[in-house]
PDB file of N, CA and C in Angstrom:
ATOM      1  N   MET A   1     -18.611 -17.428  -0.227  1.00  0.00           N
ATOM      2  CA  MET A   1     -17.280 -17.804  -0.226  1.00  0.00           C
ATOM      3  C   MET A   1     -16.569 -17.044   0.905  1.00  0.00           C
ATOM      4  N   HIS A   2     -15.984 -18.052   1.884  1.00  0.00           N
ATOM      5  CA  HIS A   2     -15.306 -17.475   3.011  1.00  0.00           C
ATOM      6  C   HIS A   2     -13.941 -17.276   2.601  1.00  0.00           C
ATOM      7  N   SER A   3     -13.373 -16.093   3.210  1.00  0.00           N
ATOM      8  CA  SER A   3     -12.031 -15.804   3.025  1.00  0.00           C
ATOM      9  C   SER A   3     -11.200 -16.004   4.332  1.00  0.00           C
ATOM     10  N   THR A   4      -9.973 -16.503   4.359  1.00  0.00           N
ATOM     11  CA  THR A   4      -9.243 -16.679   5.514  1.00  0.00           C
ATOM     12  C   THR A   4      -8.683 -15.385   6.134  1.00  0.00           C
ATOM     13  N   LEU A   5      -8.625 -14.338   5.141  1.00  0.00           N
ATOM     14  CA  LEU A   5      -8.135 -13.159   5.686  1.00  0.00           C
ATOM     15  C   LEU A   5      -9.292 -12.227   5.811  1.00  0.00           C
ATOM     16  N   PRO A   6      -9.631 -11.840   7.157  1.00  0.00           N
ATOM     17  CA  PRO A   6     -10.807 -11.007   7.479  1.00  0.00           C
ATOM     18  C   PRO A   6     -10.973  -9.718   7.049  1.00  0.00           C
ATOM     19  N   VAL A   7     -10.026  -9.081   6.722  1.00  0.00           N
ATOM     20  CA  VAL A   7     -10.129  -7.545   6.382  1.00  0.00           C
ATOM     21  C   VAL A   7      -9.497  -7.278   5.102  1.00  0.00           C
ATOM     22  N   PRO A   8      -9.911  -6.447   4.170  1.00  0.00           N
ATOM     23  CA  PRO A   8      -9.214  -5.995   3.091  1.00  0.00           C
ATOM     24  C   PRO A   8      -7.739  -5.508   3.321  1.00  0.00           C
ATOM     25  N   THR A   9      -7.551  -4.911   4.377  1.00  0.00           N
ATOM     26  CA  THR A   9      -6.257  -4.365   4.722  1.00  0.00           C
ATOM     27  C   THR A   9      -5.304  -5.488   4.902  1.00  0.00           C
ATOM     28  N   CYS A  10      -5.781  -6.633   5.444  1.00  0.00           N
ATOM     29  CA  CYS A  10      -4.884  -7.856   5.571  1.00  0.00           C
ATOM     30  C   CYS A  10      -4.574  -8.495   4.190  1.00  0.00           C
ATOM     31  N   ARG A  11      -5.588  -8.581   3.329  1.00  0.00           N
ATOM     32  CA  ARG A  11      -5.213  -9.051   2.079  1.00  0.00           C
ATOM     33  C   ARG A  11      -4.397  -8.200   1.187  1.00  0.00           C
ATOM     34  N   TYR A  12      -4.535  -6.856   1.386  1.00  0.00           N
ATOM     35  CA  TYR A  12      -3.570  -6.035   0.609  1.00  0.00           C
ATOM     36  C   TYR A  12      -2.198  -6.090   1.212  1.00  0.00           C
ATOM     37  N   PHE A  13      -2.043  -6.235   2.542  1.00  0.00           N
ATOM     38  CA  PHE A  13      -0.783  -6.460   3.239  1.00  0.00           C
ATOM     39  C   PHE A  13       0.014  -7.842   2.693  1.00  0.00           C
ATOM     40  N   VAL A  14      -0.828  -8.834   2.534  1.00  0.00           N
ATOM     41  CA  VAL A  14      -0.381 -10.212   2.069  1.00  0.00           C
ATOM     42  C   VAL A  14       0.056  -9.983   0.649  1.00  0.00           C
ATOM     43  N   VAL A  15      -0.857  -9.439  -0.138  1.00  0.00           N
ATOM     44  CA  VAL A  15      -0.593  -9.509  -1.609  1.00  0.00           C
ATOM     45  C   VAL A  15       0.601  -8.488  -1.925  1.00  0.00           C
ATOM     46  N   ALA A  16       0.707  -7.413  -1.147  1.00  0.00           N
ATOM     47  CA  ALA A  16       1.856  -6.565  -1.462  1.00  0.00           C
ATOM     48  C   ALA A  16       3.077  -7.181  -1.116  1.00  0.00           C
ATOM     49  N   ASN A  17       3.241  -7.941  -0.052  1.00  0.00           N
ATOM     50  CA  ASN A  17       4.434  -8.600   0.459  1.00  0.00           C
ATOM     51  C   ASN A  17       4.673  -9.715  -0.653  1.00  0.00           C
ATOM     52  N   ALA A  18       3.763 -10.358  -1.101  1.00  0.00           N
ATOM     53  CA  ALA A  18       3.872 -11.628  -2.079  1.00  0.00           C
ATOM     54  C   ALA A  18       4.398 -10.925  -3.283  1.00  0.00           C
ATOM     55  N   MET A  19       3.793  -9.859  -3.899  1.00  0.00           N
ATOM     56  CA  MET A  19       4.329  -9.165  -5.129  1.00  0.00           C
ATOM     57  C   MET A  19       5.751  -8.659  -4.936  1.00  0.00           C
ATOM     58  N   ALA A  20       6.054  -8.080  -3.785  1.00  0.00           N
ATOM     59  CA  ALA A  20       7.512  -7.638  -3.545  1.00  0.00           C
ATOM     60  C   ALA A  20       8.399  -8.865  -3.567  1.00  0.00           C
ATOM     61  N   CYS A  21       7.988  -9.923  -2.954  1.00  0.00           N
ATOM     62  CA  CYS A  21       8.874 -11.118  -2.918  1.00  0.00           C
ATOM     63  C   CYS A  21       9.122 -11.735  -4.451  1.00  0.00           C
ATOM     64  N   ALA A  22       7.976 -11.734  -5.173  1.00  0.00           N
ATOM     65  CA  ALA A  22       8.075 -12.147  -6.536  1.00  0.00           C
ATOM     66  C   ALA A  22       8.973 -11.329  -7.379  1.00  0.00           C
ATOM     67  N   PHE A  23       8.882  -9.941  -7.179  1.00  0.00           N
ATOM     68  CA  PHE A  23       9.709  -9.047  -7.955  1.00  0.00           C
ATOM     69  C   PHE A  23      11.103  -9.241  -7.502  1.00  0.00           C
ATOM     70  N   SER A  24      11.471  -9.514  -6.255  1.00  0.00           N
ATOM     71  CA  SER A  24      12.731  -9.735  -5.797  1.00  0.00           C
ATOM     72  C   SER A  24      13.390 -10.862  -6.465  1.00  0.00           C
ATOM     73  N   ALA A  25      12.577 -11.915  -6.663  1.00  0.00           N
ATOM     74  CA  ALA A  25      13.031 -13.132  -7.231  1.00  0.00           C
ATOM     75  C   ALA A  25      13.421 -12.890  -8.731  1.00  0.00           C
ATOM     76  N   VAL A  26      12.482 -12.177  -9.405  1.00  0.00           N
ATOM     77  CA  VAL A  26      12.656 -11.839 -10.781  1.00  0.00           C
ATOM     78  C   VAL A  26      13.844 -10.937 -10.910  1.00  0.00           C
ATOM     79  N   SER A  27      14.105  -9.969 -10.074  1.00  0.00           N
ATOM     80  CA  SER A  27      15.327  -9.060 -10.097  1.00  0.00           C
ATOM     81  C   SER A  27      16.486  -9.801  -9.954  1.00  0.00           C
ATOM     82  N   LEU A  28      16.525 -10.724  -9.083  1.00  0.00           N
ATOM     83  CA  LEU A  28      17.772 -11.423  -8.820  1.00  0.00           C
ATOM     84  C   LEU A  28      18.114 -12.338 -10.144  1.00  0.00           C
ATOM     85  N   ALA A  29      17.327 -12.728 -10.796  1.00  0.00           N
ATOM     86  CA  ALA A  29      17.616 -13.467 -11.988  1.00  0.00           C
ATOM     87  C   ALA A  29      18.078 -12.515 -13.150  1.00  0.00           C
ATOM     88  N   ALA A  30      17.369 -11.217 -13.103  1.00  0.00           N
ATOM     89  CA  ALA A  30      17.702 -10.326 -14.236  1.00  0.00           C
ATOM     90  C   ALA A  30      18.831  -9.348 -13.907  1.00  0.00           C
ATOM     91  N   CYS A  31      19.386  -9.324 -12.691  1.00  0.00           N
ATOM     92  CA  CYS A  31      20.425  -8.354 -12.370  1.00  0.00           C
ATOM     93  C   CYS A  31      21.759  -8.541 -12.944  1.00  0.00           C
ATOM     94  N   ARG A  32      21.999  -9.663 -13.783  1.00  0.00           N
ATOM     95  CA  ARG A  32      23.173  -9.865 -14.400  1.00  0.00           C
ATOM     96  C   ARG A  32      23.425  -9.013 -15.672  1.00  0.00           C
ATOM     97  N   SER A  33      22.248  -8.630 -16.193  1.00  0.00           N
ATOM     98  CA  SER A  33      22.218  -7.763 -17.408  1.00  0.00           C
ATOM     99  C   SER A  33      22.388  -6.405 -16.977  1.00  0.00           C
ATOM    100  N   ARG A  34      23.449  -5.725 -17.655  1.00  0.00           N
ATOM    101  CA  ARG A  34      23.730  -4.313 -17.378  1.00  0.00           C
ATOM    102  C   ARG A  34      22.529  -3.330 -17.779  1.00  0.00           C
ATOM    103  N   SER A  35      21.902  -3.766 -18.827  1.00  0.00           N
ATOM    104  CA  SER A  35      20.846  -2.832 -19.420  1.00  0.00           C
ATOM    105  C   SER A  35      19.542  -3.044 -18.460  1.00  0.00           C
ATOM    106  N   ALA A  36      19.571  -3.935 -17.504  1.00  0.00           N
ATOM    107  CA  ALA A  36      18.377  -3.974 -16.794  1.00  0.00           C
ATOM    108  C   ALA A  36      18.408  -3.293 -15.403  1.00  0.00           C
ATOM    109  N   VAL A  37      19.624  -2.615 -15.340  1.00  0.00           N
ATOM    110  CA  VAL A  37      19.753  -2.007 -13.915  1.00  0.00           C
ATOM    111  C   VAL A  37      18.689  -0.895 -13.681  1.00  0.00           C
ATOM    112  N   VAL A  38      18.535   0.073 -14.589  1.00  0.00           N
ATOM    113  CA  VAL A  38      17.557   1.147 -14.460  1.00  0.00           C
ATOM    114  C   VAL A  38      16.208   0.729 -14.282  1.00  0.00           C
ATOM    115  N   PRO A  39      15.643  -0.261 -15.138  1.00  0.00           N
ATOM    116  CA  PRO A  39      14.278  -0.665 -15.007  1.00  0.00           C
ATOM    117  C   PRO A  39      14.064  -1.583 -13.711  1.00  0.00           C
ATOM    118  N   LEU A  40      15.197  -2.179 -13.247  1.00  0.00           N
ATOM    119  CA  LEU A  40      14.921  -2.751 -11.880  1.00  0.00           C
ATOM    120  C   LEU A  40      14.997  -1.928 -10.809  1.00  0.00           C
ATOM    121  N   MET A  41      15.738  -0.817 -10.856  1.00  0.00           N
ATOM    122  CA  MET A  41      15.643   0.182  -9.693  1.00  0.00           C
ATOM    123  C   MET A  41      14.358   0.984  -9.760  1.00  0.00           C
ATOM    124  N   ILE A  42      13.803   1.150 -11.037  1.00  0.00           N
ATOM    125  CA  ILE A  42      12.375   1.671 -11.040  1.00  0.00           C
ATOM    126  C   ILE A  42      11.402   0.733 -10.367  1.00  0.00           C
ATOM    127  N   GLY A  43      11.577  -0.499 -10.748  1.00  0.00           N
ATOM    128  CA  GLY A  43      10.783  -1.481 -10.096  1.00  0.00           C
ATOM    129  C   GLY A  43      10.895  -1.552  -8.655  1.00  0.00           C
ATOM    130  N   ASP A  44      11.999  -1.423  -8.138  1.00  0.00           N
ATOM    131  CA  ASP A  44      12.408  -1.546  -6.807  1.00  0.00           C
ATOM    132  C   ASP A  44      11.742  -0.318  -6.001  1.00  0.00           C
ATOM    133  N   LEU A  45      11.802   0.704  -6.720  1.00  0.00           N
ATOM    134  CA  LEU A  45      11.100   2.021  -6.079  1.00  0.00           C
ATOM    135  C   LEU A  45       9.666   1.880  -5.983  1.00  0.00           C
ATOM    136  N   VAL A  46       9.027   1.157  -7.037  1.00  0.00           N
ATOM    137  CA  VAL A  46       7.522   0.919  -7.062  1.00  0.00           C
ATOM    138  C   VAL A  46       7.235  -0.058  -5.898  1.00  0.00           C
ATOM    139  N   MET A  47       8.084  -1.102  -5.886  1.00  0.00           N
ATOM    140  CA  MET A  47       7.884  -2.197  -4.678  1.00  0.00           C
ATOM    141  C   MET A  47       7.945  -1.624  -3.408  1.00  0.00           C
ATOM    142  N   LEU A  48       8.986  -0.701  -3.191  1.00  0.00           N
ATOM    143  CA  LEU A  48       9.068   0.021  -2.005  1.00  0.00           C
ATOM    144  C   LEU A  48       7.953   0.789  -1.478  1.00  0.00           C
ATOM    145  N   ALA A  49       7.365   1.545  -2.545  1.00  0.00           N
ATOM    146  CA  ALA A  49       6.302   2.313  -2.193  1.00  0.00           C
ATOM    147  C   ALA A  49       5.043   1.514  -1.874  1.00  0.00           C
ATOM    148  N   LEU A  50       4.954   0.351  -2.607  1.00  0.00           N
ATOM    149  CA  LEU A  50       3.889  -0.707  -2.279  1.00  0.00           C
ATOM    150  C   LEU A  50       3.948  -1.097  -0.931  1.00  0.00           C
ATOM    151  N   LEU A  51       5.148  -1.612  -0.464  1.00  0.00           N
ATOM    152  CA  LEU A  51       5.488  -2.179   0.794  1.00  0.00           C
ATOM    153  C   LEU A  51       5.194  -1.239   1.886  1.00  0.00           C
ATOM    154  N   PHE A  52       5.674   0.117   1.729  1.00  0.00           N
ATOM    155  CA  PHE A  52       5.453   0.921   2.828  1.00  0.00           C
ATOM    156  C   PHE A  52       3.859   1.385   2.986  1.00  0.00           C
ATOM    157  N   SER A  53       3.181   1.402   1.750  1.00  0.00           N
ATOM    158  CA  SER A  53       1.800   1.789   2.069  1.00  0.00           C
ATOM    159  C   SER A  53       1.140   0.511   2.630  1.00  0.00           C
ATOM    160  N   ALA A  54       1.444  -0.668   2.214  1.00  0.00           N
ATOM    161  CA  ALA A  54       0.767  -1.897   2.899  1.00  0.00           C
ATOM    162  C   ALA A  54       1.106  -1.967   4.407  1.00  0.00           C
ATOM    163  N   VAL A  55       2.282  -1.736   4.881  1.00  0.00           N
ATOM    164  CA  VAL A  55       2.752  -1.585   6.111  1.00  0.00           C
ATOM    165  C   VAL A  55       1.932  -0.589   6.844  1.00  0.00           C
ATOM    166  N   GLY A  56       1.798   0.582   6.365  1.00  0.00           N
ATOM    167  CA  GLY A  56       0.952   1.607   7.006  1.00  0.00           C
ATOM    168  C   GLY A  56      -0.364   1.296   7.183  1.00  0.00           C
ATOM    169  N   ALA A  57      -1.092   0.678   6.154  1.00  0.00           N
ATOM    170  CA  ALA A  57      -2.387   0.250   6.290  1.00  0.00           C
ATOM    171  C   ALA A  57      -2.655  -0.904   7.281  1.00  0.00           C
ATOM    172  N   ALA A  58      -1.724  -1.851   7.292  1.00  0.00           N
ATOM    173  CA  ALA A  58      -1.815  -2.821   8.272  1.00  0.00           C
ATOM    174  C   ALA A  58      -1.586  -2.395   9.656  1.00  0.00           C
ATOM    175  N   ALA A  59      -0.592  -1.476   9.874  1.00  0.00           N
ATOM    176  CA  ALA A  59      -0.393  -0.954  11.096  1.00  0.00           C
ATOM    177  C   ALA A  59      -1.684  -0.044  11.682  1.00  0.00           C
ATOM    178  N   GLU A  60      -2.182   0.602  10.776  1.00  0.00           N
ATOM    179  CA  GLU A  60      -3.376   1.374  11.165  1.00  0.00           C
ATOM    180  C   GLU A  60      -4.586   0.414  11.604  1.00  0.00           C
ATOM    181  N   PHE A  61      -4.672  -0.647  10.958  1.00  0.00           N
ATOM    182  CA  PHE A  61      -5.650  -1.627  11.239  1.00  0.00           C
ATOM    183  C   PHE A  61      -5.442  -2.253  12.663  1.00  0.00           C
ATOM    184  N   GLY A  62      -4.020  -2.509  12.844  1.00  0.00           N
ATOM    185  CA  GLY A  62      -3.662  -2.945  14.137  1.00  0.00           C
ATOM    186  C   GLY A  62      -3.803  -2.099  15.301  1.00  0.00           C
ATOM    187  N   ILE A  63      -3.700  -0.811  15.018  1.00  0.00           N
ATOM    188  CA  ILE A  63      -3.899   0.227  16.160  1.00  0.00           C
ATOM    189  C   ILE A  63      -5.327   0.462  16.305  1.00  0.00           C
ATOM    190  N   LEU A  64      -6.107   0.346  15.314  1.00  0.00           N
ATOM    191  CA  LEU A  64      -7.528   0.434  15.411  1.00  0.00           C
ATOM    192  C   LEU A  64      -8.027  -0.787  16.336  1.00  0.00           C
ATOM    193  N   GLY A  65      -7.542  -1.980  16.082  1.00  0.00           N
ATOM    194  CA  GLY A  65      -8.014  -3.048  16.791  1.00  0.00           C
ATOM    195  C   GLY A  65      -7.576  -3.143  18.269  1.00  0.00           C
ATOM    196  N   GLU A  66      -6.421  -2.458  18.430  1.00  0.00           N
ATOM    197  CA  GLU A  66      -5.800  -2.375  19.863  1.00  0.00           C
ATOM    198  C   GLU A  66      -6.617  -1.328  20.636  1.00  0.00           C
ATOM    199  N   ARG A  67      -6.940  -0.149  19.990  1.00  0.00           N
ATOM    200  CA  ARG A  67      -7.378   1.068  20.635  1.00  0.00           C
ATOM    201  C   ARG A  67      -8.916   1.224  20.535  1.00  0.00           C
ATOM    202  N   GLY A  68      -9.477   0.715  19.444  1.00  0.00           N
ATOM    203  CA  GLY A  68     -10.848   1.023  19.001  1.00  0.00           C
ATOM    204  C   GLY A  68     -11.032   2.451  18.412  1.00  0.00           C
ATOM    205  N   ASN A  69     -12.191   2.833  18.100  1.00  0.00           N
ATOM    206  CA  ASN A  69     -12.549   4.129  17.710  1.00  0.00           C
ATOM    207  C   ASN A  69     -13.832   4.583  18.227  1.00  0.00           C
ATOM    208  N   SER A  70     -13.893   5.393  19.158  1.00  0.00           N
ATOM    209  CA  SER A  70     -15.038   5.905  19.831  1.00  0.00           C
ATOM    210  C   SER A  70     -16.028   6.631  18.889  1.00  0.00           C
ATOM    211  N   HIS A  71     -15.427   7.362  17.974  1.00  0.00           N
ATOM    212  CA  HIS A  71     -16.326   8.264  17.020  1.00  0.00           C
ATOM    213  C   HIS A  71     -17.044   7.474  16.153  1.00  0.00           C
ATOM    214  N   VAL A  72     -16.669   6.177  15.696  1.00  0.00           N
ATOM    215  CA  VAL A  72     -17.652   5.356  14.854  1.00  0.00           C
ATOM    216  C   VAL A  72     -18.080   4.175  15.529  1.00  0.00           C
ATOM    217  N   ARG A  73     -17.832   4.147  17.007  1.00  0.00           N
ATOM    218  CA  ARG A  73     -18.305   3.052  17.919  1.00  0.00           C
ATOM    219  C   ARG A  73     -17.728   1.713  17.513  1.00  0.00           C
ATOM    220  N   TRP A  74     -16.445   1.728  17.240  1.00  0.00           N
ATOM    221  CA  TRP A  74     -15.648   0.438  17.027  1.00  0.00           C
ATOM    222  C   TRP A  74     -15.012   0.145  18.326  1.00  0.00           C
ATOM    223  N   GLY A  75     -15.315  -1.010  18.915  1.00  0.00           N
ATOM    224  CA  GLY A  75     -14.659  -1.345  20.223  1.00  0.00           C
ATOM    225  C   GLY A  75     -13.342  -1.894  19.824  1.00  0.00           C
ATOM    226  N   LYS A  76     -12.679  -2.089  21.020  1.00  0.00           N
ATOM    227  CA  LYS A  76     -11.298  -2.702  20.973  1.00  0.00           C
ATOM    228  C   LYS A  76     -11.529  -4.313  20.732  1.00  0.00           C
ATOM    229  N   VAL A  77     -10.673  -4.856  19.899  1.00  0.00           N
ATOM    230  CA  VAL A  77     -10.958  -6.190  19.679  1.00  0.00           C
ATOM    231  C   VAL A  77      -9.645  -7.127  20.008  1.00  0.00           C
ATOM    232  N   CYS A  78      -8.567  -6.434  20.142  1.00  0.00           N
ATOM    233  CA  CYS A  78      -7.276  -7.280  20.490  1.00  0.00           C
ATOM    234  C   CYS A  78      -7.359  -7.904  21.840  1.00  0.00           C
ATOM    235  N   HIS A  79      -8.128  -7.566  22.765  1.00  0.00           N
ATOM    236  CA  HIS A  79      -8.321  -8.194  24.026  1.00  0.00           C
ATOM    237  C   HIS A  79      -9.073  -9.509  23.810  1.00  0.00           C
ATOM    238  N   VAL A  80      -9.952  -9.666  22.814  1.00  0.00           N
ATOM    239  CA  VAL A  80     -10.632 -10.898  22.426  1.00  0.00           C
ATOM    240  C   VAL A  80      -9.761 -11.768  21.524  1.00  0.00           C
ATOM    241  N   TYR A  81      -9.198 -11.219  20.503  1.00  0.00           N
ATOM    242  CA  TYR A  81      -8.297 -11.885  19.478  1.00  0.00           C
ATOM    243  C   TYR A  81      -6.878 -11.522  19.734  1.00  0.00           C
ATOM    244  N   ASN A  82      -6.407 -11.907  20.893  1.00  0.00           N
ATOM    245  CA  ASN A  82      -5.069 -11.613  21.312  1.00  0.00           C
ATOM    246  C   ASN A  82      -4.001 -12.136  20.480  1.00  0.00           C
ATOM    247  N   LYS A  83      -4.112 -13.496  20.285  1.00  0.00           N
ATOM    248  CA  LYS A  83      -2.997 -14.123  19.427  1.00  0.00           C
ATOM    249  C   LYS A  83      -3.041 -13.629  18.055  1.00  0.00           C
ATOM    250  N   PHE A  84      -4.257 -13.403  17.398  1.00  0.00           N
ATOM    251  CA  PHE A  84      -4.158 -12.805  16.018  1.00  0.00           C
ATOM    252  C   PHE A  84      -3.577 -11.461  16.004  1.00  0.00           C
ATOM    253  N   CYS A  85      -3.834 -10.545  17.024  1.00  0.00           N
ATOM    254  CA  CYS A  85      -3.184  -9.120  16.995  1.00  0.00           C
ATOM    255  C   CYS A  85      -1.860  -9.277  17.174  1.00  0.00           C
ATOM    256  N   GLU A  86      -1.368 -10.301  18.060  1.00  0.00           N
ATOM    257  CA  GLU A  86       0.218 -10.337  18.280  1.00  0.00           C
ATOM    258  C   GLU A  86       0.807 -10.699  17.055  1.00  0.00           C
ATOM    259  N   ARG A  87       0.439 -11.693  16.369  1.00  0.00           N
ATOM    260  CA  ARG A  87       0.886 -12.195  15.098  1.00  0.00           C
ATOM    261  C   ARG A  87       0.783 -11.231  14.052  1.00  0.00           C
ATOM    262  N   ALA A  88      -0.272 -10.400  13.784  1.00  0.00           N
ATOM    263  CA  ALA A  88      -0.411  -9.473  12.924  1.00  0.00           C
ATOM    264  C   ALA A  88       0.594  -8.332  13.154  1.00  0.00           C
ATOM    265  N   MET A  89       0.766  -7.872  14.291  1.00  0.00           N
ATOM    266  CA  MET A  89       1.666  -6.794  14.580  1.00  0.00           C
ATOM    267  C   MET A  89       3.262  -7.236  14.555  1.00  0.00           C
ATOM    268  N   ALA A  90       3.415  -8.527  14.752  1.00  0.00           N
ATOM    269  CA  ALA A  90       4.856  -8.992  14.498  1.00  0.00           C
ATOM    270  C   ALA A  90       5.035  -8.930  13.040  1.00  0.00           C
ATOM    271  N   ALA A  91       4.002  -9.411  12.115  1.00  0.00           N
ATOM    272  CA  ALA A  91       4.153  -9.435  10.671  1.00  0.00           C
ATOM    273  C   ALA A  91       4.449  -7.891  10.173  1.00  0.00           C
ATOM    274  N   VAL A  92       3.803  -7.136  10.766  1.00  0.00           N
ATOM    275  CA  VAL A  92       3.961  -5.589  10.296  1.00  0.00           C
ATOM    276  C   VAL A  92       5.283  -5.111  10.677  1.00  0.00           C
ATOM    277  N   ILE A  93       5.808  -5.510  11.853  1.00  0.00           N
ATOM    278  CA  ILE A  93       7.170  -5.075  12.210  1.00  0.00           C
ATOM    279  C   ILE A  93       8.193  -5.671  11.492  1.00  0.00           C
ATOM    280  N   VAL A  94       8.193  -6.979  11.146  1.00  0.00           N
ATOM    281  CA  VAL A  94       9.078  -7.549  10.326  1.00  0.00           C
ATOM    282  C   VAL A  94       9.036  -7.053   8.876  1.00  0.00           C
ATOM    283  N   SER A  95       7.820  -6.786   8.355  1.00  0.00           N
ATOM    284  CA  SER A  95       7.733  -6.133   6.940  1.00  0.00           C
ATOM    285  C   SER A  95       8.390  -4.692   6.935  1.00  0.00           C
ATOM    286  N   LEU A  96       8.053  -4.055   8.079  1.00  0.00           N
ATOM    287  CA  LEU A  96       8.636  -2.758   8.229  1.00  0.00           C
ATOM    288  C   LEU A  96      10.136  -2.743   8.200  1.00  0.00           C
ATOM    289  N   ILE A  97      10.658  -3.498   8.953  1.00  0.00           N
ATOM    290  CA  ILE A  97      12.215  -3.747   8.928  1.00  0.00           C
ATOM    291  C   ILE A  97      12.709  -4.168   7.490  1.00  0.00           C
ATOM    292  N   ALA A  98      11.972  -5.149   6.801  1.00  0.00           N
ATOM    293  CA  ALA A  98      12.415  -5.551   5.570  1.00  0.00           C
ATOM    294  C   ALA A  98      12.269  -4.378   4.640  1.00  0.00           C
ATOM    295  N   SER A  99      11.338  -3.481   4.800  1.00  0.00           N
ATOM    296  CA  SER A  99      11.108  -2.247   3.781  1.00  0.00           C
ATOM    297  C   SER A  99      12.252  -1.366   4.102  1.00  0.00           C
ATOM    298  N   PHE A 100      12.613  -1.187   5.088  1.00  0.00           N
ATOM    299  CA  PHE A 100      13.845  -0.225   5.483  1.00  0.00           C
ATOM    300  C   PHE A 100      15.191  -0.741   4.823  1.00  0.00           C
ATOM    301  N   THR A 101      15.185  -2.133   5.003  1.00  0.00           N
ATOM    302  CA  THR A 101      16.379  -2.737   4.537  1.00  0.00           C
ATOM    303  C   THR A 101      16.512  -2.665   3.063  1.00  0.00           C
ATOM    304  N   ILE A 102      15.363  -2.792   2.306  1.00  0.00           N
ATOM    305  CA  ILE A 102      15.259  -2.647   0.885  1.00  0.00           C
ATOM    306  C   ILE A 102      15.615  -1.193   0.561  1.00  0.00           C
ATOM    307  N   LEU A 103      15.096  -0.230   1.308  1.00  0.00           N
ATOM    308  CA  LEU A 103      15.430   1.246   1.053  1.00  0.00           C
ATOM    309  C   LEU A 103      17.023   1.517   1.115  1.00  0.00           C
ATOM    310  N   VAL A 104      17.600   0.866   2.242  1.00  0.00           N
ATOM    311  CA  VAL A 104      19.080   1.003   2.346  1.00  0.00           C
ATOM    312  C   VAL A 104      19.809   0.445   1.251  1.00  0.00           C
ATOM    313  N   HIS A 105      19.442  -0.782   0.852  1.00  0.00           N
ATOM    314  CA  HIS A 105      20.129  -1.339  -0.274  1.00  0.00           C
ATOM    315  C   HIS A 105      19.904  -0.582  -1.698  1.00  0.00           C
ATOM    316  N   LEU A 106      18.718  -0.076  -1.796  1.00  0.00           N
ATOM    317  CA  LEU A 106      18.428   0.570  -3.085  1.00  0.00           C
ATOM    318  C   LEU A 106      19.276   1.918  -2.986  1.00  0.00           C
ATOM    319  N   MET A 107      19.375   2.580  -1.911  1.00  0.00           N
ATOM    320  CA  MET A 107      20.162   3.899  -1.835  1.00  0.00           C
ATOM    321  C   MET A 107      21.619   3.538  -2.102  1.00  0.00           C
ATOM    322  N   LEU A 108      22.086   2.409  -1.510  1.00  0.00           N
ATOM    323  CA  LEU A 108      23.478   1.977  -1.731  1.00  0.00           C
ATOM    324  C   LEU A 108      23.789   1.772  -3.110  1.00  0.00           C
ATOM    325  N   ALA A 109      22.925   1.018  -3.823  1.00  0.00           N
ATOM    326  CA  ALA A 109      23.076   0.619  -5.226  1.00  0.00           C
ATOM    327  C   ALA A 109      22.939   1.900  -6.097  1.00  0.00           C
ATOM    328  N   MET A 110      22.109   2.887  -5.763  1.00  0.00           N
ATOM    329  CA  MET A 110      22.076   4.160  -6.550  1.00  0.00           C
ATOM    330  C   MET A 110      23.371   4.953  -6.397  1.00  0.00           C
ATOM    331  N   LEU A 111      23.851   5.020  -5.172  1.00  0.00           N
ATOM    332  CA  LEU A 111      25.211   5.689  -4.809  1.00  0.00           C
ATOM    333  C   LEU A 111      26.379   5.054  -5.613  1.00  0.00           C
ATOM    334  N   ASP A 112      26.371   3.692  -5.777  1.00  0.00           N
ATOM    335  CA  ASP A 112      27.265   2.949  -6.279  1.00  0.00           C
ATOM    336  C   ASP A 112      27.284   3.277  -7.875  1.00  0.00           C
ATOM    337  N   ILE A 113      26.068   3.339  -8.547  1.00  0.00           N
ATOM    338  CA  ILE A 113      25.908   3.615  -9.840  1.00  0.00           C
ATOM    339  C   ILE A 113      26.387   5.075 -10.178  1.00  0.00           C
ATOM    340  N   HIS A 114      25.879   5.933  -9.305  1.00  0.00           N
ATOM    341  CA  HIS A 114      26.222   7.401  -9.413  1.00  0.00           C
ATOM    342  C   HIS A 114      27.803   7.588  -9.343  1.00  0.00           C
ATOM    343  N   LYS A 115      28.546   6.884  -8.481  1.00  0.00           N
ATOM    344  CA  LYS A 115      30.071   6.936  -8.382  1.00  0.00           C
ATOM    345  C   LYS A 115      30.679   6.506  -9.569  1.00  0.00           C
ATOM    346  N   ASN A 116      30.206   5.405 -10.166  1.00  0.00           N
ATOM    347  CA  ASN A 116      30.624   4.662 -11.293  1.00  0.00           C
ATOM    348  C   ASN A 116      30.111   5.337 -12.814  1.00  0.00           C
ATOM    349  N   SER A 117      29.376   6.309 -12.728  1.00  0.00           N
ATOM    350  CA  SER A 117      28.880   6.830 -13.960  1.00  0.00           C
ATOM    351  C   SER A 117      29.894   7.715 -14.584  1.00  0.00           C
ATOM    352  N   SER A 118      29.797   7.933 -15.818  1.00  0.00           N
ATOM    353  CA  SER A 118      30.692   8.700 -16.606  1.00  0.00           C
ATOM    354  C   SER A 118      30.207  10.247 -16.736  1.00  0.00           C
ATOM    355  N   TYR A 119      29.216  10.538 -16.146  1.00  0.00           N
ATOM    356  CA  TYR A 119      28.613  11.871 -16.235  1.00  0.00           C
ATOM    357  C   TYR A 119      29.467  12.991 -15.449  1.00  0.00           C
ATOM    358  N   TYR A 120      30.111  12.532 -14.416  1.00  0.00           N
ATOM    359  CA  TYR A 120      30.824  13.407 -13.554  1.00  0.00           C
ATOM    360  C   TYR A 120      32.281  13.281 -13.501  1.00  0.00           C
TER     361      TYR A 120
END
């Protein structure tokens, strides 16, 4: 069986982004309920950790393809697969920007809940 994604790192990156997208769609539907706020925030934190780990793994794969690794005799491959490397790194950059955006939105939501809470 031939896979269109060549490396497990790429698969992990795509699956993590797909899971985060699906969770975002579900949380948009569930955000109307006040009782769902805390579970959604916990889910957002889990998705954020998943996204950052996937971005880190994919970025490392991209750096390895760009620079190679002389210790294990892996040569540079981005000069051969230039278009793939450019697209992969663009996807990593866009995903990193999206991850930071989610982080900022989550922090703002937590601050808003903290300000509106009756504990203080």
